[in-house]
N, C-alpha and C. Protein backbone atom coordinates (compact mmCIF):
# COMPACT_ATOMS: atom_id res chain seq x y z
N MET A 1 -15.43 -2.99 -9.24
CA MET A 1 -14.01 -2.68 -9.16
C MET A 1 -13.61 -2.52 -7.70
N ILE A 2 -12.51 -3.12 -7.33
CA ILE A 2 -11.99 -3.02 -5.96
C ILE A 2 -11.01 -1.85 -5.91
N LYS A 3 -11.24 -0.95 -4.98
CA LYS A 3 -10.42 0.25 -4.85
C LYS A 3 -9.58 0.15 -3.59
N ILE A 4 -8.25 0.17 -3.78
CA ILE A 4 -7.30 0.01 -2.68
C ILE A 4 -6.41 1.24 -2.59
N LEU A 5 -6.26 1.75 -1.38
CA LEU A 5 -5.33 2.85 -1.11
C LEU A 5 -4.29 2.34 -0.12
N PHE A 6 -3.04 2.28 -0.55
CA PHE A 6 -1.93 1.92 0.33
C PHE A 6 -1.41 3.20 0.97
N VAL A 7 -1.14 3.14 2.28
CA VAL A 7 -0.78 4.35 3.01
C VAL A 7 0.44 4.11 3.90
N CYS A 8 1.35 5.08 3.86
CA CYS A 8 2.48 5.09 4.82
C CYS A 8 2.71 6.54 5.25
N HIS A 9 3.78 6.79 5.93
CA HIS A 9 4.02 8.12 6.48
C HIS A 9 4.21 9.18 5.38
N GLY A 10 5.15 8.93 4.45
CA GLY A 10 5.49 9.96 3.47
C GLY A 10 5.07 9.70 2.05
N ASN A 11 4.67 8.46 1.73
CA ASN A 11 4.22 8.08 0.39
C ASN A 11 5.35 8.14 -0.64
N ILE A 12 6.58 7.84 -0.18
CA ILE A 12 7.68 7.75 -1.13
C ILE A 12 8.42 6.41 -1.05
N CYS A 13 8.17 5.63 0.00
CA CYS A 13 8.86 4.34 0.16
C CYS A 13 7.88 3.18 0.13
N ARG A 14 7.28 2.86 1.28
CA ARG A 14 6.48 1.65 1.42
C ARG A 14 5.18 1.67 0.63
N SER A 15 4.38 2.72 0.77
CA SER A 15 3.07 2.72 0.09
C SER A 15 3.24 2.77 -1.42
N THR A 16 4.23 3.52 -1.89
CA THR A 16 4.49 3.57 -3.33
C THR A 16 4.97 2.21 -3.82
N MET A 17 5.81 1.54 -3.03
CA MET A 17 6.26 0.20 -3.40
C MET A 17 5.07 -0.76 -3.43
N ALA A 18 4.20 -0.69 -2.43
CA ALA A 18 3.03 -1.57 -2.39
C ALA A 18 2.11 -1.30 -3.58
N GLU A 19 1.92 -0.04 -3.93
CA GLU A 19 1.10 0.31 -5.09
C GLU A 19 1.67 -0.33 -6.35
N SER A 20 2.96 -0.23 -6.54
CA SER A 20 3.61 -0.79 -7.73
C SER A 20 3.58 -2.31 -7.73
N VAL A 21 3.86 -2.93 -6.58
CA VAL A 21 3.87 -4.39 -6.47
C VAL A 21 2.47 -4.96 -6.71
N MET A 22 1.47 -4.39 -6.06
CA MET A 22 0.11 -4.90 -6.23
C MET A 22 -0.36 -4.71 -7.67
N THR A 23 -0.05 -3.59 -8.27
CA THR A 23 -0.40 -3.34 -9.67
C THR A 23 0.23 -4.39 -10.56
N HIS A 24 1.49 -4.70 -10.31
CA HIS A 24 2.23 -5.70 -11.09
C HIS A 24 1.60 -7.09 -10.92
N ILE A 25 1.30 -7.46 -9.69
CA ILE A 25 0.73 -8.79 -9.41
C ILE A 25 -0.63 -8.96 -10.11
N VAL A 26 -1.48 -7.98 -10.00
CA VAL A 26 -2.82 -8.13 -10.61
C VAL A 26 -2.72 -8.13 -12.14
N LYS A 27 -1.77 -7.39 -12.70
CA LYS A 27 -1.57 -7.42 -14.16
C LYS A 27 -1.09 -8.79 -14.60
N GLN A 28 -0.16 -9.38 -13.84
CA GLN A 28 0.34 -10.71 -14.17
C GLN A 28 -0.78 -11.74 -14.20
N GLN A 29 -1.80 -11.56 -13.37
CA GLN A 29 -2.91 -12.51 -13.29
C GLN A 29 -4.12 -12.06 -14.11
N ASN A 30 -3.90 -11.05 -14.97
CA ASN A 30 -4.96 -10.51 -15.82
C ASN A 30 -6.19 -10.07 -15.03
N LEU A 31 -5.95 -9.48 -13.87
CA LEU A 31 -7.03 -9.00 -13.01
C LEU A 31 -7.06 -7.48 -12.91
N ASP A 32 -6.19 -6.81 -13.65
CA ASP A 32 -6.04 -5.36 -13.49
C ASP A 32 -7.32 -4.58 -13.80
N SER A 33 -8.20 -5.11 -14.63
CA SER A 33 -9.45 -4.41 -14.93
C SER A 33 -10.41 -4.39 -13.73
N GLN A 34 -10.11 -5.19 -12.71
CA GLN A 34 -10.97 -5.27 -11.53
C GLN A 34 -10.47 -4.42 -10.37
N PHE A 35 -9.37 -3.68 -10.59
CA PHE A 35 -8.75 -2.93 -9.50
C PHE A 35 -8.49 -1.48 -9.86
N HIS A 36 -8.60 -0.64 -8.84
CA HIS A 36 -8.07 0.72 -8.86
C HIS A 36 -7.14 0.78 -7.65
N ILE A 37 -5.86 0.98 -7.90
CA ILE A 37 -4.84 0.94 -6.84
C ILE A 37 -4.10 2.27 -6.82
N PHE A 38 -3.96 2.83 -5.62
CA PHE A 38 -3.28 4.11 -5.47
C PHE A 38 -2.57 4.12 -4.12
N SER A 39 -1.82 5.17 -3.83
CA SER A 39 -1.16 5.27 -2.53
C SER A 39 -1.14 6.72 -2.06
N ALA A 40 -0.95 6.88 -0.75
CA ALA A 40 -0.97 8.22 -0.15
C ALA A 40 -0.18 8.22 1.15
N ALA A 41 0.02 9.41 1.68
CA ALA A 41 0.76 9.62 2.93
C ALA A 41 -0.19 10.07 4.03
N THR A 42 0.23 9.85 5.27
CA THR A 42 -0.50 10.43 6.39
C THR A 42 0.07 11.81 6.72
N SER A 43 1.28 12.09 6.29
CA SER A 43 1.93 13.38 6.58
C SER A 43 1.98 14.25 5.33
N ARG A 44 2.45 15.45 5.50
CA ARG A 44 2.59 16.39 4.37
C ARG A 44 4.05 16.57 3.97
N GLU A 45 4.97 15.93 4.67
CA GLU A 45 6.40 16.17 4.50
C GLU A 45 6.93 15.98 3.08
N GLU A 46 6.42 14.97 2.38
CA GLU A 46 6.96 14.61 1.07
C GLU A 46 6.02 14.95 -0.09
N ILE A 47 4.94 15.67 0.17
CA ILE A 47 3.94 15.95 -0.85
C ILE A 47 4.62 16.49 -2.12
N GLY A 48 4.28 15.86 -3.26
CA GLY A 48 4.83 16.27 -4.54
C GLY A 48 6.12 15.57 -4.93
N ASN A 49 6.76 14.91 -3.98
CA ASN A 49 8.03 14.23 -4.28
C ASN A 49 7.80 12.89 -4.98
N THR A 50 8.78 12.51 -5.77
CA THR A 50 8.75 11.21 -6.45
C THR A 50 9.18 10.12 -5.48
N PRO A 51 8.99 8.85 -5.84
CA PRO A 51 9.39 7.76 -4.95
C PRO A 51 10.88 7.80 -4.60
N HIS A 52 11.18 7.32 -3.41
CA HIS A 52 12.55 7.24 -2.89
C HIS A 52 13.41 6.40 -3.82
N TYR A 53 14.67 6.81 -3.99
CA TYR A 53 15.56 6.08 -4.89
C TYR A 53 15.75 4.62 -4.48
N GLY A 54 15.61 4.32 -3.19
CA GLY A 54 15.71 2.93 -2.73
C GLY A 54 14.55 2.08 -3.23
N THR A 55 13.35 2.66 -3.23
CA THR A 55 12.17 1.98 -3.77
C THR A 55 12.33 1.80 -5.28
N VAL A 56 12.74 2.85 -5.97
CA VAL A 56 12.93 2.79 -7.41
C VAL A 56 13.96 1.72 -7.77
N GLY A 57 15.08 1.72 -7.07
CA GLY A 57 16.15 0.75 -7.35
C GLY A 57 15.74 -0.69 -7.08
N LYS A 58 15.04 -0.91 -5.98
CA LYS A 58 14.61 -2.27 -5.64
C LYS A 58 13.64 -2.80 -6.68
N LEU A 59 12.65 -2.02 -7.03
CA LEU A 59 11.68 -2.46 -8.03
C LEU A 59 12.34 -2.67 -9.39
N ARG A 60 13.21 -1.77 -9.77
CA ARG A 60 13.92 -1.89 -11.05
C ARG A 60 14.74 -3.18 -11.09
N SER A 61 15.41 -3.51 -9.98
CA SER A 61 16.26 -4.72 -9.95
C SER A 61 15.44 -6.00 -10.12
N LEU A 62 14.14 -5.92 -9.83
CA LEU A 62 13.27 -7.09 -9.94
C LEU A 62 12.41 -7.07 -11.20
N GLY A 63 12.57 -6.03 -12.00
CA GLY A 63 11.79 -5.92 -13.22
C GLY A 63 10.33 -5.56 -12.98
N ILE A 64 10.04 -4.95 -11.84
CA ILE A 64 8.67 -4.53 -11.51
C ILE A 64 8.53 -3.06 -11.90
N PRO A 65 7.60 -2.76 -12.81
CA PRO A 65 7.44 -1.36 -13.21
C PRO A 65 7.01 -0.47 -12.04
N LEU A 66 7.64 0.67 -11.93
CA LEU A 66 7.26 1.66 -10.93
C LEU A 66 6.06 2.42 -11.46
N VAL A 67 4.99 2.46 -10.70
CA VAL A 67 3.82 3.23 -11.09
C VAL A 67 4.19 4.71 -11.00
N PRO A 68 3.97 5.48 -12.06
CA PRO A 68 4.29 6.92 -11.98
C PRO A 68 3.52 7.55 -10.82
N HIS A 69 4.22 8.24 -9.96
CA HIS A 69 3.57 8.73 -8.75
C HIS A 69 4.34 9.89 -8.14
N ARG A 70 3.59 10.80 -7.57
CA ARG A 70 4.12 11.86 -6.71
C ARG A 70 3.33 11.80 -5.42
N ALA A 71 4.02 11.99 -4.32
CA ALA A 71 3.40 11.84 -3.00
C ALA A 71 2.20 12.78 -2.83
N VAL A 72 1.13 12.20 -2.28
CA VAL A 72 -0.09 12.95 -1.94
C VAL A 72 -0.49 12.59 -0.52
N GLN A 73 -1.28 13.44 0.09
CA GLN A 73 -1.75 13.15 1.45
C GLN A 73 -3.14 12.53 1.40
N MET A 74 -3.34 11.53 2.23
CA MET A 74 -4.65 10.91 2.40
C MET A 74 -5.63 11.95 2.95
N THR A 75 -6.89 11.84 2.53
CA THR A 75 -7.91 12.77 3.01
C THR A 75 -9.09 11.99 3.60
N ARG A 76 -9.93 12.68 4.31
CA ARG A 76 -11.14 12.08 4.88
C ARG A 76 -12.03 11.52 3.76
N GLU A 77 -12.06 12.18 2.61
CA GLU A 77 -12.88 11.74 1.47
C GLU A 77 -12.42 10.39 0.93
N ASP A 78 -11.14 10.05 1.14
CA ASP A 78 -10.64 8.75 0.67
C ASP A 78 -11.38 7.59 1.31
N TYR A 79 -11.92 7.79 2.49
CA TYR A 79 -12.66 6.72 3.16
C TYR A 79 -13.88 6.32 2.34
N LYS A 80 -14.53 7.27 1.74
CA LYS A 80 -15.69 6.98 0.89
C LYS A 80 -15.27 6.42 -0.46
N LYS A 81 -14.13 6.87 -0.96
CA LYS A 81 -13.67 6.54 -2.31
C LYS A 81 -13.11 5.13 -2.42
N TYR A 82 -12.46 4.62 -1.35
CA TYR A 82 -11.75 3.34 -1.41
C TYR A 82 -12.45 2.27 -0.58
N ASP A 83 -12.29 1.01 -1.03
CA ASP A 83 -12.84 -0.14 -0.31
C ASP A 83 -11.90 -0.58 0.81
N TYR A 84 -10.60 -0.42 0.59
CA TYR A 84 -9.57 -0.82 1.56
C TYR A 84 -8.57 0.32 1.68
N LEU A 85 -8.28 0.75 2.91
CA LEU A 85 -7.25 1.73 3.20
C LEU A 85 -6.21 0.99 4.03
N ILE A 86 -5.07 0.72 3.41
CA ILE A 86 -4.13 -0.24 3.97
C ILE A 86 -2.84 0.44 4.41
N GLY A 87 -2.62 0.46 5.72
CA GLY A 87 -1.42 1.04 6.29
C GLY A 87 -0.30 0.02 6.41
N MET A 88 0.90 0.53 6.59
CA MET A 88 2.07 -0.33 6.65
C MET A 88 2.48 -0.68 8.08
N ASP A 89 2.12 0.17 9.05
CA ASP A 89 2.46 -0.11 10.44
C ASP A 89 1.41 0.50 11.37
N GLN A 90 1.54 0.22 12.64
CA GLN A 90 0.54 0.68 13.61
C GLN A 90 0.48 2.20 13.71
N MET A 91 1.59 2.86 13.56
CA MET A 91 1.62 4.33 13.58
C MET A 91 0.81 4.87 12.39
N ASN A 92 0.96 4.25 11.21
CA ASN A 92 0.15 4.66 10.06
C ASN A 92 -1.33 4.51 10.36
N ILE A 93 -1.70 3.38 10.96
CA ILE A 93 -3.10 3.12 11.28
C ILE A 93 -3.64 4.20 12.22
N ARG A 94 -2.88 4.54 13.24
CA ARG A 94 -3.28 5.60 14.18
C ARG A 94 -3.51 6.92 13.44
N ASN A 95 -2.55 7.27 12.58
CA ASN A 95 -2.67 8.52 11.84
C ASN A 95 -3.80 8.48 10.82
N MET A 96 -4.02 7.34 10.21
CA MET A 96 -5.13 7.19 9.26
C MET A 96 -6.47 7.38 9.98
N MET A 97 -6.57 6.83 11.19
CA MET A 97 -7.80 6.97 11.96
C MET A 97 -8.05 8.44 12.34
N ARG A 98 -6.98 9.18 12.61
CA ARG A 98 -7.14 10.61 12.89
C ARG A 98 -7.71 11.33 11.67
N ILE A 99 -7.29 10.89 10.48
CA ILE A 99 -7.75 11.53 9.25
C ILE A 99 -9.21 11.16 8.95
N VAL A 100 -9.55 9.88 9.06
CA VAL A 100 -10.90 9.44 8.66
C VAL A 100 -11.95 9.63 9.74
N GLY A 101 -11.54 9.75 10.98
CA GLY A 101 -12.48 9.95 12.07
C GLY A 101 -12.91 8.66 12.73
N ASN A 102 -13.58 7.78 12.00
CA ASN A 102 -13.86 6.45 12.53
C ASN A 102 -14.01 5.48 11.38
N ASP A 103 -13.99 4.21 11.70
CA ASP A 103 -13.92 3.15 10.69
C ASP A 103 -15.12 2.20 10.84
N ASP A 104 -16.30 2.73 10.69
CA ASP A 104 -17.52 1.92 10.83
C ASP A 104 -17.58 0.76 9.86
N GLU A 105 -16.97 0.93 8.68
CA GLU A 105 -17.03 -0.10 7.65
C GLU A 105 -15.83 -1.05 7.69
N HIS A 106 -14.95 -0.86 8.65
CA HIS A 106 -13.76 -1.72 8.83
C HIS A 106 -12.92 -1.79 7.56
N LYS A 107 -12.62 -0.63 7.02
CA LYS A 107 -11.81 -0.52 5.80
C LYS A 107 -10.33 -0.33 6.10
N VAL A 108 -10.00 0.15 7.30
CA VAL A 108 -8.62 0.48 7.66
C VAL A 108 -7.96 -0.74 8.28
N VAL A 109 -6.86 -1.18 7.66
CA VAL A 109 -6.18 -2.40 8.11
C VAL A 109 -4.70 -2.32 7.75
N LYS A 110 -3.88 -3.03 8.51
CA LYS A 110 -2.46 -3.14 8.16
C LYS A 110 -2.28 -4.19 7.07
N LEU A 111 -1.36 -3.96 6.17
CA LEU A 111 -1.15 -4.87 5.04
C LEU A 111 -0.84 -6.29 5.50
N LEU A 112 0.05 -6.44 6.46
CA LEU A 112 0.44 -7.80 6.87
C LEU A 112 -0.59 -8.48 7.77
N ASP A 113 -1.68 -7.78 8.10
CA ASP A 113 -2.78 -8.45 8.80
C ASP A 113 -3.48 -9.46 7.90
N PHE A 114 -3.27 -9.38 6.60
CA PHE A 114 -3.84 -10.35 5.67
C PHE A 114 -3.02 -11.63 5.62
N GLY A 115 -1.79 -11.60 6.13
CA GLY A 115 -0.89 -12.74 6.06
C GLY A 115 -0.96 -13.64 7.28
N LYS A 116 -0.08 -14.63 7.27
CA LYS A 116 -0.05 -15.61 8.36
C LYS A 116 0.68 -15.09 9.60
N ASN A 117 1.50 -14.06 9.41
CA ASN A 117 2.30 -13.53 10.51
C ASN A 117 2.10 -12.01 10.59
N PRO A 118 0.96 -11.55 11.13
CA PRO A 118 0.69 -10.11 11.20
C PRO A 118 1.79 -9.36 11.95
N ARG A 119 2.21 -8.26 11.34
CA ARG A 119 3.27 -7.43 11.94
C ARG A 119 3.35 -6.13 11.16
N ASP A 120 4.14 -5.21 11.67
CA ASP A 120 4.41 -3.96 10.97
C ASP A 120 5.43 -4.19 9.86
N ILE A 121 5.38 -3.34 8.85
CA ILE A 121 6.42 -3.30 7.82
C ILE A 121 7.33 -2.14 8.18
N ALA A 122 8.59 -2.45 8.44
CA ALA A 122 9.55 -1.43 8.86
C ALA A 122 9.75 -0.39 7.75
N ASP A 123 9.93 0.85 8.16
CA ASP A 123 10.12 1.96 7.22
C ASP A 123 11.58 2.00 6.76
N PRO A 124 11.83 1.75 5.47
CA PRO A 124 13.21 1.74 4.99
C PRO A 124 13.86 3.12 4.96
N TRP A 125 13.06 4.16 5.12
CA TRP A 125 13.62 5.51 5.26
C TRP A 125 14.57 5.53 6.45
N TYR A 126 14.18 4.77 7.50
CA TYR A 126 14.99 4.71 8.71
C TYR A 126 15.93 3.51 8.73
N THR A 127 15.47 2.36 8.24
CA THR A 127 16.30 1.15 8.30
C THR A 127 17.30 1.07 7.16
N GLY A 128 16.97 1.67 6.02
CA GLY A 128 17.82 1.57 4.84
C GLY A 128 17.71 0.22 4.14
N ASN A 129 16.86 -0.67 4.66
CA ASN A 129 16.78 -2.03 4.12
C ASN A 129 15.54 -2.19 3.23
N PHE A 130 15.69 -1.88 1.97
CA PHE A 130 14.59 -1.98 1.02
C PHE A 130 14.31 -3.43 0.63
N ASP A 131 15.29 -4.32 0.84
CA ASP A 131 15.08 -5.75 0.55
C ASP A 131 14.04 -6.34 1.50
N VAL A 132 14.20 -6.10 2.80
CA VAL A 132 13.25 -6.61 3.78
C VAL A 132 11.88 -5.98 3.57
N THR A 133 11.86 -4.68 3.30
CA THR A 133 10.60 -3.99 3.04
C THR A 133 9.89 -4.62 1.84
N TYR A 134 10.63 -4.87 0.78
CA TYR A 134 10.03 -5.49 -0.40
C TYR A 134 9.46 -6.88 -0.07
N ASP A 135 10.24 -7.68 0.63
CA ASP A 135 9.77 -9.03 0.99
C ASP A 135 8.46 -8.97 1.77
N ASP A 136 8.39 -8.05 2.73
CA ASP A 136 7.17 -7.90 3.54
C ASP A 136 6.00 -7.41 2.68
N ILE A 137 6.26 -6.45 1.81
CA ILE A 137 5.20 -5.92 0.95
C ILE A 137 4.71 -6.99 -0.01
N LEU A 138 5.62 -7.74 -0.59
CA LEU A 138 5.21 -8.82 -1.49
C LEU A 138 4.34 -9.84 -0.74
N GLU A 139 4.77 -10.22 0.44
CA GLU A 139 3.99 -11.16 1.26
C GLU A 139 2.59 -10.60 1.53
N GLY A 140 2.51 -9.34 1.89
CA GLY A 140 1.22 -8.72 2.19
C GLY A 140 0.33 -8.59 0.96
N CYS A 141 0.90 -8.19 -0.16
CA CYS A 141 0.10 -8.03 -1.38
C CYS A 141 -0.42 -9.38 -1.87
N GLU A 142 0.43 -10.40 -1.81
CA GLU A 142 -0.03 -11.74 -2.22
C GLU A 142 -1.12 -12.24 -1.29
N ALA A 143 -0.98 -12.01 0.01
CA ALA A 143 -2.00 -12.43 0.97
C ALA A 143 -3.29 -11.66 0.77
N LEU A 144 -3.20 -10.37 0.48
CA LEU A 144 -4.38 -9.55 0.21
C LEU A 144 -5.11 -10.09 -1.02
N LEU A 145 -4.39 -10.40 -2.07
CA LEU A 145 -5.02 -10.91 -3.29
C LEU A 145 -5.69 -12.26 -3.03
N GLU A 146 -5.04 -13.11 -2.27
CA GLU A 146 -5.64 -14.42 -1.92
C GLU A 146 -6.90 -14.22 -1.08
N TYR A 147 -6.86 -13.27 -0.16
CA TYR A 147 -8.04 -12.95 0.65
C TYR A 147 -9.20 -12.52 -0.25
N LEU A 148 -8.92 -11.64 -1.19
CA LEU A 148 -9.97 -11.15 -2.08
C LEU A 148 -10.55 -12.28 -2.94
N LYS A 149 -9.71 -13.22 -3.33
CA LYS A 149 -10.19 -14.38 -4.09
C LYS A 149 -11.07 -15.27 -3.20
N ARG A 150 -10.60 -15.55 -1.98
CA ARG A 150 -11.37 -16.39 -1.05
C ARG A 150 -12.74 -15.79 -0.74
N GLU A 151 -12.78 -14.47 -0.62
CA GLU A 151 -14.02 -13.78 -0.28
C GLU A 151 -14.89 -13.51 -1.51
N ASN A 152 -14.47 -14.05 -2.65
CA ASN A 152 -15.20 -13.87 -3.92
C ASN A 152 -15.39 -12.41 -4.29
N LYS A 153 -14.37 -11.61 -3.99
CA LYS A 153 -14.41 -10.20 -4.35
C LYS A 153 -13.94 -9.99 -5.80
N ILE A 154 -13.16 -10.96 -6.30
CA ILE A 154 -12.67 -10.91 -7.68
C ILE A 154 -12.91 -12.26 -8.33
N TRP A 155 -12.90 -12.29 -9.62
CA TRP A 155 -13.13 -13.56 -10.33
C TRP A 155 -12.20 -13.67 -11.51
């Protein structure tokens, strides 16, 4: 089973959206039995809160089920628990590295590093643009799944 943890600052916008999108994609391809997908925050600001209404609305408008979730903080133990710890931007990666200490197994990566155009995913908490965030997350999740297929991690 491949264990993926999506991570952003507060765990109410981007990482929760990525968790829901990736869960939806793998279910569509009948691969859900091969995955454990979750999300977390690098900060404590939103702990216990439900996903942002912008994330909920965007996913609902596309018919993508929202994974039931309340914000949690990433821990050092998550490094052992997950195969991939996937941040949304460079600031997330920096904060994730502070939490895990070091990345000897090269598990910490930005989501769009799997795609053809590596870049940060802008935080819609600040931009207000959940459409662009969704497009970037979809691109990253699809690229991640293709990577896992190419590397024979799933069948």
